[in-house]
Amino acid sequence: MHVSIRQIGNSQGVVIPKPILAQLGLDAKAGVEMTIEDGALVLRKAARPARRGWAEAARRIAEVGDDELVMGEFGNTEDSELAW
């Protein structure tokens, strides 16, 4: 498929047709990672950020009361000397 390079503000870009985006599972919200490999411009789905969704999962666990300590409380021998 041939696409044109267009002026977009002070930059230049190409418009990726919607069917191509759908086929690749890409959208404007998620964004992509762009690299150059062997002289080709390559777009890939952005890597999922580490720990994404953990805060919400922890919130749901706490709401149902399934967040008790597994190992229980334990201290260090020097804890009695700490001033809070």
Protein backbone atom coordinates (compact mmCIF):
# COMPACT_ATOMS: atom_id res chain seq x y z
CA MET A 1 0.00 0.00 0.00
CA HIS A 2 1.39 3.38 -0.96
CA VAL A 3 0.90 6.27 1.48
CA SER A 4 2.07 9.86 1.23
CA ILE A 5 4.22 11.77 3.67
CA ARG A 6 2.25 14.79 4.89
CA GLN A 7 3.14 18.00 6.67
CA ILE A 8 1.81 17.93 10.26
CA GLY A 9 2.70 21.16 12.02
CA ASN A 10 6.49 21.42 12.08
CA SER A 11 6.82 17.66 11.49
CA GLN A 12 5.98 15.21 8.77
CA GLY A 13 4.03 12.01 9.09
CA VAL A 14 1.96 9.34 7.43
CA VAL A 15 -1.66 8.47 8.04
CA ILE A 16 -2.11 4.78 8.82
CA PRO A 17 -5.44 3.56 7.48
CA LYS A 18 -7.93 2.34 10.10
CA PRO A 19 -8.13 -1.23 8.69
CA ILE A 20 -4.34 -1.59 9.06
CA LEU A 21 -4.49 -0.37 12.66
CA ALA A 22 -7.33 -2.79 13.41
CA GLN A 23 -5.46 -5.69 11.84
CA LEU A 24 -2.44 -4.96 14.03
CA GLY A 25 -4.50 -4.29 17.15
CA LEU A 26 -3.19 -0.73 17.45
CA ASP A 27 -5.05 2.42 18.40
CA ALA A 28 -4.33 6.06 19.18
CA LYS A 29 -4.83 5.59 22.94
CA ALA A 30 -2.21 2.88 23.39
CA GLY A 31 0.47 4.40 21.17
CA VAL A 32 3.31 2.44 19.60
CA GLU A 33 7.05 2.02 19.82
CA MET A 34 8.91 3.14 16.71
CA THR A 35 12.31 1.81 15.65
CA ILE A 36 14.40 1.63 12.51
CA GLU A 37 15.51 -1.88 11.57
CA ASP A 38 17.56 -2.61 8.47
CA GLY A 39 16.48 0.68 6.90
CA ALA A 40 12.78 0.08 7.61
CA LEU A 41 10.53 2.06 9.91
CA VAL A 42 8.94 -0.43 12.31
CA LEU A 43 5.94 0.25 14.57
CA ARG A 44 5.12 -2.17 17.39
CA LYS A 45 2.58 -2.25 20.18
CA ALA A 46 4.00 -0.38 23.14
CA ALA A 47 5.32 -2.65 25.86
CA ARG A 48 2.99 -2.94 28.81
CA PRO A 49 4.39 -0.88 31.69
CA ALA A 50 5.64 -2.92 34.63
CA ARG A 51 3.14 -3.21 37.47
CA ARG A 52 0.31 -1.76 35.38
CA GLY A 53 -2.95 -2.61 37.10
CA TRP A 54 -1.36 -3.60 40.40
CA ALA A 55 -2.86 -0.70 42.36
CA GLU A 56 -6.38 -1.52 41.20
CA ALA A 57 -5.87 -5.23 41.92
CA ALA A 58 -4.64 -4.42 45.45
CA ARG A 59 -7.66 -2.17 45.99
CA ARG A 60 -10.05 -4.98 44.95
CA ILE A 61 -8.26 -7.47 47.24
CA ALA A 62 -8.56 -5.05 50.17
CA GLU A 63 -12.26 -4.43 49.46
CA VAL A 64 -13.07 -8.13 49.83
CA GLY A 65 -10.88 -8.43 52.95
CA ASP A 66 -8.40 -10.86 51.43
CA ASP A 67 -5.34 -8.78 52.36
CA GLU A 68 -4.30 -10.27 55.70
CA LEU A 69 -0.61 -10.89 56.31
CA VAL A 70 0.43 -14.39 55.34
CA MET A 71 3.53 -14.52 57.54
CA GLY A 72 2.10 -12.47 60.41
CA GLU A 73 3.91 -9.69 62.19
CA PHE A 74 7.55 -10.20 63.08
CA GLY A 75 10.19 -7.79 64.17
CA ASN A 76 13.92 -7.41 64.35
CA THR A 77 15.77 -7.67 67.61
CA GLU A 78 16.71 -3.98 67.40
CA ASP A 79 13.13 -2.75 66.86
CA SER A 80 12.62 -2.00 70.55
CA GLU A 81 15.37 0.63 70.33
CA LEU A 82 13.71 2.59 67.51
CA ALA A 83 12.01 5.87 68.31
CA TRP A 84 9.03 6.75 66.12
